[in-house]
């Protein structure tokens, strides 16, 4: 099966991190940036790298950009080239276009351009860090909507040796433990008889209020 190919436009902190992670996951990545020094630094780590202006239509055509499965516009703080590059990726027929937004207004503009997915890395990281600060056992936080989230939470010492059924999380709190990460591996859709050990990781889905109640309760047990 042919590996998916990604084109990352803009190799700043977000774009570089994203491109490297995609490489680690086994995909082919083209990195494009106007800064030759940055491109040279990334050339040993990505499948292809090019020093180019992503607002130059002919340059993008010459790169065969339309043959990539996904184009990610990760241009930093300048909204104009971000929007121009996004327009070109859409017009050139790339299958999926993802773009980084640096503000709500920028995100609205990208929505009107028909971007398939808009990411707000600074905002999302701020939300995650805030939740981690107020919830010590919280490892990660993904907002599904305004009211619902998925969180990763370490099993506190007080639950060591108990089984998942002892928590009765759905009946008591209206949220569900959908996976357990253990040193031996990940258990997806764990049963009521699966044992909890200190520092296992629970993946929980539910409303924000219910998850907060669940977290408070398990830390008291």
N, C-alpha and C. Protein backbone atom coordinates (compact mmCIF):
# COMPACT_ATOMS: atom_id res chain seq x y z
N UNK A 1 0.84 -1.19 0.00
CA UNK A 1 0.00 0.00 0.00
C UNK A 1 0.88 1.25 0.00
N UNK A 2 0.55 2.21 -0.84
CA UNK A 2 1.31 3.46 -0.93
C UNK A 2 1.16 4.27 0.35
N UNK A 3 2.30 4.75 0.86
CA UNK A 3 2.25 5.58 2.05
C UNK A 3 1.59 6.91 1.74
N UNK A 4 0.84 7.42 2.73
CA UNK A 4 0.29 8.76 2.57
C UNK A 4 1.42 9.78 2.54
N UNK A 5 1.22 10.82 1.74
CA UNK A 5 2.21 11.88 1.63
C UNK A 5 1.63 13.19 2.14
N UNK A 6 2.41 13.89 2.94
CA UNK A 6 1.99 15.16 3.52
C UNK A 6 2.94 16.27 3.08
N UNK A 7 2.37 17.43 2.79
CA UNK A 7 3.16 18.62 2.50
C UNK A 7 2.94 19.61 3.63
N UNK A 8 4.01 19.98 4.31
CA UNK A 8 3.92 20.93 5.42
C UNK A 8 4.51 22.25 4.96
N UNK A 9 3.65 23.26 4.89
CA UNK A 9 4.06 24.59 4.44
C UNK A 9 4.34 25.46 5.65
N UNK A 10 5.59 25.77 5.87
CA UNK A 10 5.98 26.54 7.06
C UNK A 10 6.62 25.64 8.08
N UNK A 11 7.93 25.81 8.31
CA UNK A 11 8.66 24.92 9.22
C UNK A 11 9.09 25.65 10.48
N UNK A 12 8.17 26.42 11.05
CA UNK A 12 8.40 27.01 12.36
C UNK A 12 8.26 25.94 13.42
N UNK A 13 8.05 26.36 14.67
CA UNK A 13 7.98 25.38 15.76
C UNK A 13 6.84 24.38 15.56
N UNK A 14 5.65 24.89 15.20
CA UNK A 14 4.51 24.00 15.01
C UNK A 14 4.70 23.11 13.78
N UNK A 15 5.06 23.71 12.65
CA UNK A 15 5.22 22.95 11.42
C UNK A 15 6.31 21.91 11.52
N UNK A 16 7.45 22.26 12.12
CA UNK A 16 8.56 21.31 12.26
C UNK A 16 8.17 20.15 13.16
N UNK A 17 7.52 20.46 14.29
CA UNK A 17 7.10 19.42 15.21
C UNK A 17 6.11 18.46 14.55
N UNK A 18 5.16 19.02 13.82
CA UNK A 18 4.17 18.21 13.11
C UNK A 18 4.82 17.33 12.06
N UNK A 19 5.73 17.92 11.28
CA UNK A 19 6.39 17.18 10.22
C UNK A 19 7.23 16.03 10.78
N UNK A 20 7.95 16.28 11.86
CA UNK A 20 8.78 15.23 12.47
C UNK A 20 7.94 14.10 13.04
N UNK A 21 6.80 14.46 13.64
CA UNK A 21 5.92 13.42 14.18
C UNK A 21 5.34 12.56 13.07
N UNK A 22 4.95 13.19 11.96
CA UNK A 22 4.44 12.41 10.82
C UNK A 22 5.51 11.46 10.28
N UNK A 23 6.76 11.92 10.25
CA UNK A 23 7.86 11.05 9.83
C UNK A 23 8.00 9.87 10.79
N UNK A 24 7.95 10.15 12.09
CA UNK A 24 8.07 9.08 13.09
C UNK A 24 6.95 8.06 12.95
N UNK A 25 5.79 8.52 12.48
CA UNK A 25 4.65 7.62 12.30
C UNK A 25 4.72 6.84 10.99
N UNK A 26 5.77 7.11 10.20
CA UNK A 26 5.99 6.31 8.99
C UNK A 26 5.49 6.90 7.69
N UNK A 27 5.16 8.20 7.68
CA UNK A 27 4.64 8.82 6.46
C UNK A 27 5.73 9.62 5.75
N UNK A 28 5.49 9.91 4.49
CA UNK A 28 6.40 10.73 3.72
C UNK A 28 6.00 12.19 3.84
N UNK A 29 6.99 13.06 4.04
CA UNK A 29 6.70 14.47 4.32
C UNK A 29 7.58 15.37 3.46
N UNK A 30 6.93 16.30 2.80
CA UNK A 30 7.62 17.40 2.12
C UNK A 30 7.53 18.63 3.01
N UNK A 31 8.68 19.23 3.32
CA UNK A 31 8.70 20.46 4.11
C UNK A 31 9.06 21.64 3.23
N UNK A 32 8.26 22.70 3.30
CA UNK A 32 8.47 23.89 2.47
C UNK A 32 8.57 25.11 3.38
N UNK A 33 9.60 25.92 3.17
CA UNK A 33 9.74 27.15 3.94
C UNK A 33 10.58 28.13 3.14
N UNK A 34 10.35 29.44 3.37
CA UNK A 34 11.13 30.46 2.67
C UNK A 34 12.52 30.63 3.25
N UNK A 35 12.71 30.18 4.48
CA UNK A 35 13.98 30.35 5.17
C UNK A 35 14.91 29.18 4.83
N UNK A 36 15.96 29.48 4.08
CA UNK A 36 16.87 28.43 3.63
C UNK A 36 17.57 27.74 4.79
N UNK A 37 17.91 28.51 5.82
CA UNK A 37 18.59 27.92 6.97
C UNK A 37 17.72 26.90 7.67
N UNK A 38 16.44 27.23 7.83
CA UNK A 38 15.50 26.29 8.46
C UNK A 38 15.35 25.04 7.61
N UNK A 39 15.23 25.23 6.31
CA UNK A 39 15.08 24.09 5.39
C UNK A 39 16.30 23.18 5.47
N UNK A 40 17.48 23.76 5.51
CA UNK A 40 18.71 22.96 5.60
C UNK A 40 18.76 22.17 6.90
N UNK A 41 18.28 22.76 7.98
CA UNK A 41 18.27 22.08 9.27
C UNK A 41 17.35 20.87 9.25
N UNK A 42 16.24 20.97 8.50
CA UNK A 42 15.25 19.90 8.47
C UNK A 42 15.52 18.87 7.38
N UNK A 43 16.46 19.15 6.50
CA UNK A 43 16.65 18.30 5.31
C UNK A 43 17.07 16.87 5.66
N UNK A 44 17.74 16.70 6.80
CA UNK A 44 18.17 15.35 7.18
C UNK A 44 17.07 14.54 7.85
N UNK A 45 15.95 15.19 8.15
CA UNK A 45 14.90 14.53 8.92
C UNK A 45 13.62 14.26 8.12
N UNK A 46 13.37 15.03 7.07
CA UNK A 46 12.15 14.87 6.28
C UNK A 46 12.45 14.18 4.96
N UNK A 47 11.42 13.63 4.35
CA UNK A 47 11.59 12.94 3.07
C UNK A 47 12.11 13.88 2.00
N UNK A 48 11.49 15.06 1.90
CA UNK A 48 11.90 16.09 0.95
C UNK A 48 11.82 17.45 1.65
N UNK A 49 12.71 18.35 1.29
CA UNK A 49 12.61 19.73 1.77
C UNK A 49 12.91 20.68 0.61
N UNK A 50 12.21 21.81 0.61
CA UNK A 50 12.38 22.78 -0.48
C UNK A 50 12.34 24.19 0.11
N UNK A 51 13.28 25.02 -0.33
CA UNK A 51 13.22 26.44 0.00
C UNK A 51 12.37 27.12 -1.05
N UNK A 52 11.21 27.60 -0.67
CA UNK A 52 10.29 28.15 -1.67
C UNK A 52 9.27 29.06 -1.00
N UNK A 53 8.69 29.93 -1.81
CA UNK A 53 7.60 30.80 -1.38
C UNK A 53 6.29 30.08 -1.69
N UNK A 54 5.55 29.72 -0.65
CA UNK A 54 4.32 28.94 -0.84
C UNK A 54 3.20 29.76 -1.44
N UNK A 55 3.40 31.05 -1.65
CA UNK A 55 2.38 31.86 -2.33
C UNK A 55 2.69 31.97 -3.83
N UNK A 56 3.70 31.26 -4.29
CA UNK A 56 4.08 31.23 -5.71
C UNK A 56 3.42 30.01 -6.35
N UNK A 57 2.38 30.25 -7.13
CA UNK A 57 1.60 29.16 -7.72
C UNK A 57 2.45 28.26 -8.60
N UNK A 58 3.30 28.84 -9.43
CA UNK A 58 4.12 28.03 -10.34
C UNK A 58 5.09 27.15 -9.56
N UNK A 59 5.61 27.68 -8.48
CA UNK A 59 6.51 26.88 -7.65
C UNK A 59 5.78 25.68 -7.06
N UNK A 60 4.58 25.90 -6.56
CA UNK A 60 3.80 24.79 -6.00
C UNK A 60 3.47 23.76 -7.07
N UNK A 61 3.14 24.23 -8.25
CA UNK A 61 2.86 23.30 -9.36
C UNK A 61 4.09 22.45 -9.67
N UNK A 62 5.26 23.10 -9.68
CA UNK A 62 6.49 22.37 -10.02
C UNK A 62 6.83 21.31 -8.99
N UNK A 63 6.33 21.50 -7.75
CA UNK A 63 6.56 20.51 -6.69
C UNK A 63 5.59 19.33 -6.77
N UNK A 64 4.62 19.42 -7.70
CA UNK A 64 3.61 18.37 -7.81
C UNK A 64 2.72 18.31 -6.59
N UNK A 65 2.41 19.48 -6.05
CA UNK A 65 1.69 19.55 -4.78
C UNK A 65 0.34 18.86 -4.84
N UNK A 66 -0.28 18.83 -6.01
CA UNK A 66 -1.61 18.22 -6.12
C UNK A 66 -1.57 16.71 -5.89
N UNK A 67 -0.38 16.12 -5.96
CA UNK A 67 -0.26 14.67 -5.77
C UNK A 67 -0.17 14.27 -4.31
N UNK A 68 -0.08 15.25 -3.43
CA UNK A 68 0.00 14.94 -2.00
C UNK A 68 -1.39 14.70 -1.44
N UNK A 69 -1.45 13.81 -0.45
CA UNK A 69 -2.75 13.47 0.15
C UNK A 69 -3.27 14.58 1.05
N UNK A 70 -2.34 15.30 1.68
CA UNK A 70 -2.75 16.33 2.63
C UNK A 70 -1.73 17.46 2.62
N UNK A 71 -2.23 18.68 2.60
CA UNK A 71 -1.38 19.85 2.70
C UNK A 71 -1.68 20.59 4.00
N UNK A 72 -0.65 20.89 4.77
CA UNK A 72 -0.82 21.57 6.05
C UNK A 72 -0.16 22.93 5.96
N UNK A 73 -0.95 23.98 6.10
CA UNK A 73 -0.41 25.35 6.08
C UNK A 73 -0.12 25.73 7.52
N UNK A 74 1.18 25.73 7.86
CA UNK A 74 1.61 25.97 9.23
C UNK A 74 2.40 27.27 9.33
N UNK A 75 2.11 28.20 8.44
CA UNK A 75 2.82 29.48 8.44
C UNK A 75 2.54 30.22 9.74
N UNK A 76 3.60 30.84 10.29
CA UNK A 76 3.56 31.40 11.64
C UNK A 76 2.63 32.56 11.88
N UNK A 77 3.17 33.76 11.99
CA UNK A 77 2.39 34.89 12.49
C UNK A 77 1.83 35.80 11.41
N UNK A 78 2.07 35.49 10.18
CA UNK A 78 1.64 36.36 9.08
C UNK A 78 0.41 35.77 8.41
N UNK A 79 -0.72 36.43 8.58
CA UNK A 79 -1.98 35.88 8.09
C UNK A 79 -2.05 35.88 6.57
N UNK A 80 -1.55 36.92 5.91
CA UNK A 80 -1.70 37.03 4.46
C UNK A 80 -1.10 35.85 3.70
N UNK A 81 0.19 35.51 3.91
CA UNK A 81 0.71 34.34 3.18
C UNK A 81 0.02 33.04 3.56
N UNK A 82 -0.45 32.94 4.81
CA UNK A 82 -1.19 31.75 5.21
C UNK A 82 -2.45 31.59 4.36
N UNK A 83 -3.19 32.67 4.20
CA UNK A 83 -4.43 32.61 3.42
C UNK A 83 -4.13 32.38 1.94
N UNK A 84 -3.11 33.05 1.40
CA UNK A 84 -2.76 32.87 -0.01
C UNK A 84 -2.32 31.43 -0.28
N UNK A 85 -1.50 30.88 0.60
CA UNK A 85 -1.05 29.50 0.41
C UNK A 85 -2.22 28.53 0.50
N UNK A 86 -3.15 28.80 1.41
CA UNK A 86 -4.33 27.95 1.55
C UNK A 86 -5.18 27.98 0.29
N UNK A 87 -5.39 29.17 -0.26
CA UNK A 87 -6.16 29.31 -1.51
C UNK A 87 -5.51 28.49 -2.62
N UNK A 88 -4.19 28.59 -2.73
CA UNK A 88 -3.49 27.87 -3.80
C UNK A 88 -3.60 26.36 -3.62
N UNK A 89 -3.46 25.88 -2.40
CA UNK A 89 -3.58 24.43 -2.19
C UNK A 89 -4.97 23.94 -2.58
N UNK A 90 -6.00 24.72 -2.24
CA UNK A 90 -7.36 24.34 -2.62
C UNK A 90 -7.53 24.37 -4.13
N UNK A 91 -7.04 25.43 -4.77
CA UNK A 91 -7.21 25.57 -6.21
C UNK A 91 -6.43 24.52 -6.99
N UNK A 92 -5.28 24.11 -6.45
CA UNK A 92 -4.45 23.13 -7.14
C UNK A 92 -4.96 21.70 -6.94
N UNK A 93 -5.98 21.55 -6.12
CA UNK A 93 -6.66 20.25 -6.03
C UNK A 93 -6.10 19.27 -5.03
N UNK A 94 -5.33 19.76 -4.05
CA UNK A 94 -4.84 18.84 -3.03
C UNK A 94 -6.04 18.27 -2.26
N UNK A 95 -5.98 17.00 -1.90
CA UNK A 95 -7.17 16.30 -1.39
C UNK A 95 -7.69 16.87 -0.07
N UNK A 96 -6.80 17.06 0.88
CA UNK A 96 -7.19 17.55 2.20
C UNK A 96 -6.28 18.71 2.58
N UNK A 97 -6.89 19.80 3.00
CA UNK A 97 -6.12 20.98 3.40
C UNK A 97 -6.39 21.28 4.87
N UNK A 98 -5.32 21.34 5.64
CA UNK A 98 -5.37 21.68 7.06
C UNK A 98 -4.60 22.98 7.24
N UNK A 99 -5.09 23.86 8.08
CA UNK A 99 -4.40 25.14 8.26
C UNK A 99 -4.35 25.54 9.72
N UNK A 100 -3.23 26.13 10.10
CA UNK A 100 -3.07 26.67 11.44
C UNK A 100 -3.66 28.08 11.48
N UNK A 101 -4.46 28.36 12.50
CA UNK A 101 -5.02 29.70 12.69
C UNK A 101 -4.37 30.33 13.92
N UNK A 102 -4.08 31.62 13.82
CA UNK A 102 -3.45 32.31 14.95
C UNK A 102 -4.44 33.20 15.70
N UNK A 103 -5.67 33.28 15.18
CA UNK A 103 -6.70 34.07 15.86
C UNK A 103 -8.06 33.59 15.40
N UNK A 104 -9.09 34.00 16.11
CA UNK A 104 -10.46 33.63 15.72
C UNK A 104 -10.79 34.19 14.35
N UNK A 105 -10.41 35.42 14.08
CA UNK A 105 -10.67 36.04 12.78
C UNK A 105 -9.97 35.28 11.66
N UNK A 106 -8.74 34.90 11.89
CA UNK A 106 -8.00 34.10 10.92
C UNK A 106 -8.74 32.78 10.67
N UNK A 107 -9.21 32.15 11.74
CA UNK A 107 -9.94 30.90 11.60
C UNK A 107 -11.22 31.07 10.79
N UNK A 108 -11.92 32.18 10.98
CA UNK A 108 -13.15 32.42 10.20
C UNK A 108 -12.83 32.55 8.72
N UNK A 109 -11.74 33.24 8.42
CA UNK A 109 -11.34 33.39 7.02
C UNK A 109 -11.01 32.03 6.41
N UNK A 110 -10.32 31.21 7.16
CA UNK A 110 -9.97 29.86 6.66
C UNK A 110 -11.23 29.01 6.46
N UNK A 111 -12.20 29.15 7.35
CA UNK A 111 -13.47 28.43 7.19
C UNK A 111 -14.13 28.79 5.88
N UNK A 112 -14.14 30.07 5.55
CA UNK A 112 -14.79 30.53 4.31
C UNK A 112 -14.06 30.02 3.07
N UNK A 113 -12.79 29.67 3.23
CA UNK A 113 -12.02 29.13 2.11
C UNK A 113 -12.25 27.63 1.94
N UNK A 114 -12.99 27.03 2.85
CA UNK A 114 -13.31 25.61 2.73
C UNK A 114 -12.23 24.69 3.22
N UNK A 115 -11.42 25.17 4.17
CA UNK A 115 -10.37 24.33 4.74
C UNK A 115 -11.00 23.14 5.44
N UNK A 116 -10.39 21.97 5.29
CA UNK A 116 -10.97 20.74 5.85
C UNK A 116 -10.84 20.68 7.37
N UNK A 117 -9.75 21.24 7.88
CA UNK A 117 -9.57 21.27 9.33
C UNK A 117 -8.73 22.47 9.71
N UNK A 118 -9.15 23.17 10.77
CA UNK A 118 -8.43 24.33 11.27
C UNK A 118 -7.92 24.00 12.67
N UNK A 119 -6.64 24.27 12.91
CA UNK A 119 -6.08 23.99 14.23
C UNK A 119 -5.62 25.30 14.86
N UNK A 120 -5.79 25.36 16.17
CA UNK A 120 -5.38 26.53 16.95
C UNK A 120 -4.36 26.05 17.99
N UNK A 121 -3.11 25.83 17.60
CA UNK A 121 -2.15 25.21 18.53
C UNK A 121 -1.93 25.98 19.82
N UNK A 122 -1.80 27.30 19.74
CA UNK A 122 -1.56 28.07 20.96
C UNK A 122 -2.77 28.01 21.89
N UNK A 123 -3.97 28.19 21.33
CA UNK A 123 -5.18 28.15 22.15
C UNK A 123 -5.37 26.77 22.78
N UNK A 124 -5.22 25.72 21.95
CA UNK A 124 -5.44 24.37 22.44
C UNK A 124 -4.42 23.99 23.50
N UNK A 125 -3.16 24.40 23.31
CA UNK A 125 -2.16 24.09 24.33
C UNK A 125 -2.46 24.84 25.62
N UNK A 126 -2.92 26.08 25.52
CA UNK A 126 -3.29 26.83 26.71
C UNK A 126 -4.40 26.15 27.48
N UNK A 127 -5.40 25.65 26.77
CA UNK A 127 -6.51 24.94 27.42
C UNK A 127 -6.00 23.69 28.13
N UNK A 128 -5.13 22.93 27.46
CA UNK A 128 -4.61 21.70 28.05
C UNK A 128 -3.80 21.98 29.31
N UNK A 129 -2.92 22.96 29.22
CA UNK A 129 -2.08 23.27 30.37
C UNK A 129 -2.92 23.74 31.55
N UNK A 130 -3.94 24.57 31.28
CA UNK A 130 -4.81 25.05 32.36
C UNK A 130 -5.48 23.89 33.08
N UNK A 131 -5.99 22.93 32.32
CA UNK A 131 -6.66 21.79 32.94
C UNK A 131 -5.67 20.92 33.71
N UNK A 132 -4.45 20.78 33.18
CA UNK A 132 -3.44 19.99 33.88
C UNK A 132 -3.02 20.64 35.19
N UNK A 133 -3.01 21.97 35.22
CA UNK A 133 -2.61 22.68 36.43
C UNK A 133 -3.63 22.53 37.55
N UNK A 134 -4.91 22.51 37.19
CA UNK A 134 -5.94 22.43 38.22
C UNK A 134 -6.31 20.99 38.55
N UNK A 135 -5.86 20.03 37.74
CA UNK A 135 -6.16 18.62 37.97
C UNK A 135 -4.86 17.84 37.95
N UNK A 136 -4.22 17.62 39.09
CA UNK A 136 -2.88 17.03 39.13
C UNK A 136 -2.75 15.69 38.43
N UNK A 137 -3.79 14.86 38.44
CA UNK A 137 -3.69 13.54 37.82
C UNK A 137 -3.98 13.56 36.32
N UNK A 138 -4.34 14.73 35.81
CA UNK A 138 -4.71 14.83 34.40
C UNK A 138 -3.45 14.89 33.54
N UNK A 139 -3.34 13.98 32.57
CA UNK A 139 -2.18 13.95 31.68
C UNK A 139 -2.46 14.65 30.37
N UNK A 140 -3.66 14.48 29.85
CA UNK A 140 -4.00 15.10 28.57
C UNK A 140 -5.49 15.40 28.55
N UNK A 141 -5.84 16.36 27.71
CA UNK A 141 -7.22 16.86 27.66
C UNK A 141 -7.53 17.21 26.22
N UNK A 142 -8.60 16.60 25.68
CA UNK A 142 -9.02 16.89 24.31
C UNK A 142 -10.47 17.34 24.34
N UNK A 143 -10.71 18.54 23.87
CA UNK A 143 -12.06 19.10 23.88
C UNK A 143 -12.82 18.60 22.66
N UNK A 144 -13.91 17.85 22.89
CA UNK A 144 -14.75 17.37 21.78
C UNK A 144 -15.75 18.43 21.35
N UNK A 145 -16.25 19.16 22.32
CA UNK A 145 -17.18 20.26 22.07
C UNK A 145 -17.11 21.18 23.28
N UNK A 146 -17.98 22.15 23.32
CA UNK A 146 -17.98 23.07 24.47
C UNK A 146 -18.22 22.34 25.78
N UNK A 147 -18.98 21.27 25.73
CA UNK A 147 -19.41 20.60 26.97
C UNK A 147 -18.81 19.22 27.20
N UNK A 148 -18.19 18.61 26.17
CA UNK A 148 -17.71 17.24 26.28
C UNK A 148 -16.23 17.14 25.96
N UNK A 149 -15.55 16.22 26.65
CA UNK A 149 -14.11 16.07 26.48
C UNK A 149 -13.69 14.61 26.63
N UNK A 150 -12.48 14.35 26.18
CA UNK A 150 -11.79 13.09 26.47
C UNK A 150 -10.55 13.46 27.28
N UNK A 151 -10.31 12.76 28.39
CA UNK A 151 -9.14 13.06 29.20
C UNK A 151 -8.37 11.78 29.49
N UNK A 152 -7.06 11.94 29.70
CA UNK A 152 -6.22 10.87 30.20
C UNK A 152 -5.86 11.20 31.64
N UNK A 153 -6.09 10.24 32.54
CA UNK A 153 -5.90 10.50 33.97
C UNK A 153 -5.18 9.32 34.61
N UNK A 154 -4.17 9.60 35.42
CA UNK A 154 -3.48 8.51 36.11
C UNK A 154 -4.34 7.96 37.23
N UNK A 155 -4.22 6.67 37.46
CA UNK A 155 -4.94 6.02 38.55
C UNK A 155 -4.25 6.38 39.86
N UNK A 156 -4.98 7.02 40.80
CA UNK A 156 -4.36 7.39 42.08
C UNK A 156 -4.11 6.16 42.96
N UNK A 157 -3.26 6.36 43.96
CA UNK A 157 -2.87 5.25 44.85
C UNK A 157 -4.06 4.61 45.54
N UNK A 158 -5.09 5.42 45.83
CA UNK A 158 -6.25 4.90 46.55
C UNK A 158 -7.06 3.87 45.78
N UNK A 159 -6.86 3.80 44.46
CA UNK A 159 -7.60 2.84 43.64
C UNK A 159 -6.78 1.61 43.30
N UNK A 160 -5.55 1.56 43.77
CA UNK A 160 -4.68 0.43 43.44
C UNK A 160 -5.29 -0.89 43.90
N UNK A 161 -5.39 -1.85 42.97
CA UNK A 161 -5.91 -3.17 43.30
C UNK A 161 -7.41 -3.30 43.12
N UNK A 162 -8.11 -2.19 42.94
CA UNK A 162 -9.55 -2.28 42.71
C UNK A 162 -9.83 -2.66 41.26
N UNK A 163 -11.06 -3.08 41.00
CA UNK A 163 -11.46 -3.37 39.62
C UNK A 163 -12.28 -2.20 39.09
N UNK A 164 -12.36 -2.11 37.78
CA UNK A 164 -13.04 -0.97 37.17
C UNK A 164 -14.50 -0.89 37.60
N UNK A 165 -15.12 -2.05 37.81
CA UNK A 165 -16.52 -2.07 38.24
C UNK A 165 -16.75 -1.38 39.57
N UNK A 166 -15.71 -1.34 40.42
CA UNK A 166 -15.84 -0.67 41.72
C UNK A 166 -16.11 0.82 41.56
N UNK A 167 -15.61 1.40 40.47
CA UNK A 167 -15.82 2.83 40.24
C UNK A 167 -17.25 3.14 39.84
N UNK A 168 -17.86 2.20 39.08
CA UNK A 168 -19.23 2.39 38.61
C UNK A 168 -19.40 3.79 37.99
N UNK A 169 -18.45 4.17 37.15
CA UNK A 169 -18.35 5.56 36.69
C UNK A 169 -19.56 6.02 35.88
N UNK A 170 -20.12 5.11 35.09
CA UNK A 170 -21.25 5.54 34.25
C UNK A 170 -22.48 5.83 35.09
N UNK A 171 -22.78 4.97 36.04
CA UNK A 171 -23.97 5.17 36.87
C UNK A 171 -23.79 6.32 37.85
N UNK A 172 -22.59 6.44 38.44
CA UNK A 172 -22.36 7.46 39.47
C UNK A 172 -22.09 8.85 38.89
N UNK A 173 -21.39 8.88 37.75
CA UNK A 173 -20.93 10.17 37.26
C UNK A 173 -21.31 10.48 35.80
N UNK A 174 -21.87 9.48 35.10
CA UNK A 174 -22.28 9.73 33.72
C UNK A 174 -21.13 9.82 32.74
N UNK A 175 -19.96 9.28 33.12
CA UNK A 175 -18.83 9.25 32.17
C UNK A 175 -18.29 7.83 32.10
N UNK A 176 -17.53 7.55 31.04
CA UNK A 176 -17.10 6.18 30.80
C UNK A 176 -15.59 6.09 30.65
N UNK A 177 -15.01 5.02 31.22
CA UNK A 177 -13.60 4.71 30.99
C UNK A 177 -13.54 3.85 29.74
N UNK A 178 -13.00 4.40 28.66
CA UNK A 178 -13.04 3.72 27.36
C UNK A 178 -11.74 2.99 27.05
N UNK A 179 -10.69 3.23 27.82
CA UNK A 179 -9.43 2.51 27.61
C UNK A 179 -8.59 2.60 28.87
N UNK A 180 -7.71 1.62 29.02
CA UNK A 180 -6.74 1.60 30.12
C UNK A 180 -5.35 1.37 29.54
N UNK A 181 -4.43 2.26 29.86
CA UNK A 181 -3.04 2.07 29.45
C UNK A 181 -2.28 1.46 30.62
N UNK A 182 -1.71 0.28 30.39
CA UNK A 182 -0.91 -0.41 31.39
C UNK A 182 0.50 -0.64 30.84
N UNK A 183 1.46 -0.93 31.71
CA UNK A 183 2.81 -1.21 31.20
C UNK A 183 2.83 -2.33 30.17
N UNK A 184 1.87 -3.26 30.29
CA UNK A 184 1.82 -4.39 29.35
C UNK A 184 1.15 -4.05 28.04
N UNK A 185 0.48 -2.89 27.97
CA UNK A 185 -0.20 -2.51 26.74
C UNK A 185 -1.50 -1.78 27.02
N UNK A 186 -2.24 -1.50 25.95
CA UNK A 186 -3.49 -0.75 26.07
C UNK A 186 -4.68 -1.69 25.99
N UNK A 187 -5.62 -1.52 26.92
CA UNK A 187 -6.87 -2.28 26.90
C UNK A 187 -7.97 -1.34 26.41
N UNK A 188 -8.51 -1.63 25.23
CA UNK A 188 -9.59 -0.83 24.67
C UNK A 188 -10.92 -1.44 25.09
N UNK A 189 -11.87 -0.59 25.48
CA UNK A 189 -13.17 -1.04 25.99
C UNK A 189 -12.98 -2.04 27.14
N UNK A 190 -12.34 -1.62 28.23
CA UNK A 190 -12.11 -2.52 29.36
C UNK A 190 -13.42 -2.96 29.99
N UNK A 191 -13.38 -4.13 30.63
CA UNK A 191 -14.57 -4.67 31.29
C UNK A 191 -14.57 -4.27 32.76
N UNK A 192 -15.68 -4.54 33.41
CA UNK A 192 -15.82 -4.20 34.84
C UNK A 192 -14.83 -4.97 35.69
N UNK A 193 -14.29 -6.10 35.19
CA UNK A 193 -13.38 -6.94 35.96
C UNK A 193 -11.91 -6.57 35.76
N UNK A 194 -11.62 -5.63 34.90
CA UNK A 194 -10.22 -5.23 34.70
C UNK A 194 -9.70 -4.50 35.93
N UNK A 195 -8.52 -4.91 36.37
CA UNK A 195 -7.95 -4.37 37.60
C UNK A 195 -7.21 -3.05 37.34
N UNK A 196 -7.30 -2.17 38.33
CA UNK A 196 -6.60 -0.89 38.28
C UNK A 196 -5.36 -0.97 39.14
N UNK A 197 -4.26 -0.43 38.63
CA UNK A 197 -3.03 -0.34 39.39
C UNK A 197 -2.56 1.11 39.41
N UNK A 198 -1.91 1.48 40.50
CA UNK A 198 -1.42 2.85 40.62
C UNK A 198 -0.57 3.22 39.41
N UNK A 199 -0.83 4.39 38.88
CA UNK A 199 -0.12 4.95 37.72
C UNK A 199 -0.52 4.34 36.39
N UNK A 200 -1.50 3.40 36.36
CA UNK A 200 -2.15 3.09 35.09
C UNK A 200 -2.80 4.37 34.59
N UNK A 201 -3.10 4.41 33.32
CA UNK A 201 -3.73 5.61 32.75
C UNK A 201 -5.13 5.26 32.26
N UNK A 202 -6.13 5.99 32.76
CA UNK A 202 -7.51 5.82 32.32
C UNK A 202 -7.83 6.85 31.24
N UNK A 203 -8.48 6.41 30.18
CA UNK A 203 -8.98 7.33 29.15
C UNK A 203 -10.49 7.44 29.37
N UNK A 204 -10.94 8.66 29.67
CA UNK A 204 -12.32 8.88 30.11
C UNK A 204 -13.03 9.83 29.16
N UNK A 205 -14.27 9.52 28.83
CA UNK A 205 -15.07 10.40 27.99
C UNK A 205 -16.36 10.76 28.73
N UNK A 206 -16.77 12.01 28.59
CA UNK A 206 -17.99 12.45 29.25
C UNK A 206 -18.11 13.96 29.22
N UNK A 207 -19.13 14.48 29.88
CA UNK A 207 -19.27 15.93 29.95
C UNK A 207 -18.21 16.48 30.89
N UNK A 208 -17.85 17.73 30.69
CA UNK A 208 -16.81 18.34 31.52
C UNK A 208 -17.18 18.31 33.01
N UNK A 209 -18.44 18.60 33.31
CA UNK A 209 -18.89 18.60 34.71
C UNK A 209 -18.77 17.21 35.32
N UNK A 210 -19.20 16.20 34.55
CA UNK A 210 -19.16 14.83 35.07
C UNK A 210 -17.74 14.34 35.27
N UNK A 211 -16.85 14.72 34.34
CA UNK A 211 -15.45 14.31 34.49
C UNK A 211 -14.83 14.96 35.72
N UNK A 212 -15.16 16.21 35.97
CA UNK A 212 -14.63 16.90 37.16
C UNK A 212 -15.11 16.20 38.44
N UNK A 213 -16.39 15.81 38.46
CA UNK A 213 -16.93 15.11 39.63
C UNK A 213 -16.24 13.76 39.82
N UNK A 214 -16.03 13.07 38.69
CA UNK A 214 -15.35 11.76 38.74
C UNK A 214 -13.94 11.91 39.29
N UNK A 215 -13.21 12.90 38.78
CA UNK A 215 -11.82 13.10 39.19
C UNK A 215 -11.74 13.42 40.67
N UNK A 216 -12.65 14.29 41.16
CA UNK A 216 -12.66 14.64 42.58
C UNK A 216 -12.95 13.42 43.44
N UNK A 217 -13.90 12.59 42.99
CA UNK A 217 -14.32 11.43 43.78
C UNK A 217 -13.21 10.38 43.87
N UNK A 218 -12.55 10.07 42.76
CA UNK A 218 -11.54 9.02 42.78
C UNK A 218 -10.31 9.45 43.59
N UNK A 219 -10.04 10.72 43.67
CA UNK A 219 -8.91 11.19 44.45
C UNK A 219 -9.18 11.12 45.95
N UNK A 220 -10.46 11.01 46.31
CA UNK A 220 -10.83 10.92 47.72
C UNK A 220 -10.87 9.47 48.20
N UNK A 221 -10.92 8.55 47.24
CA UNK A 221 -11.07 7.13 47.62
C UNK A 221 -9.72 6.52 48.00
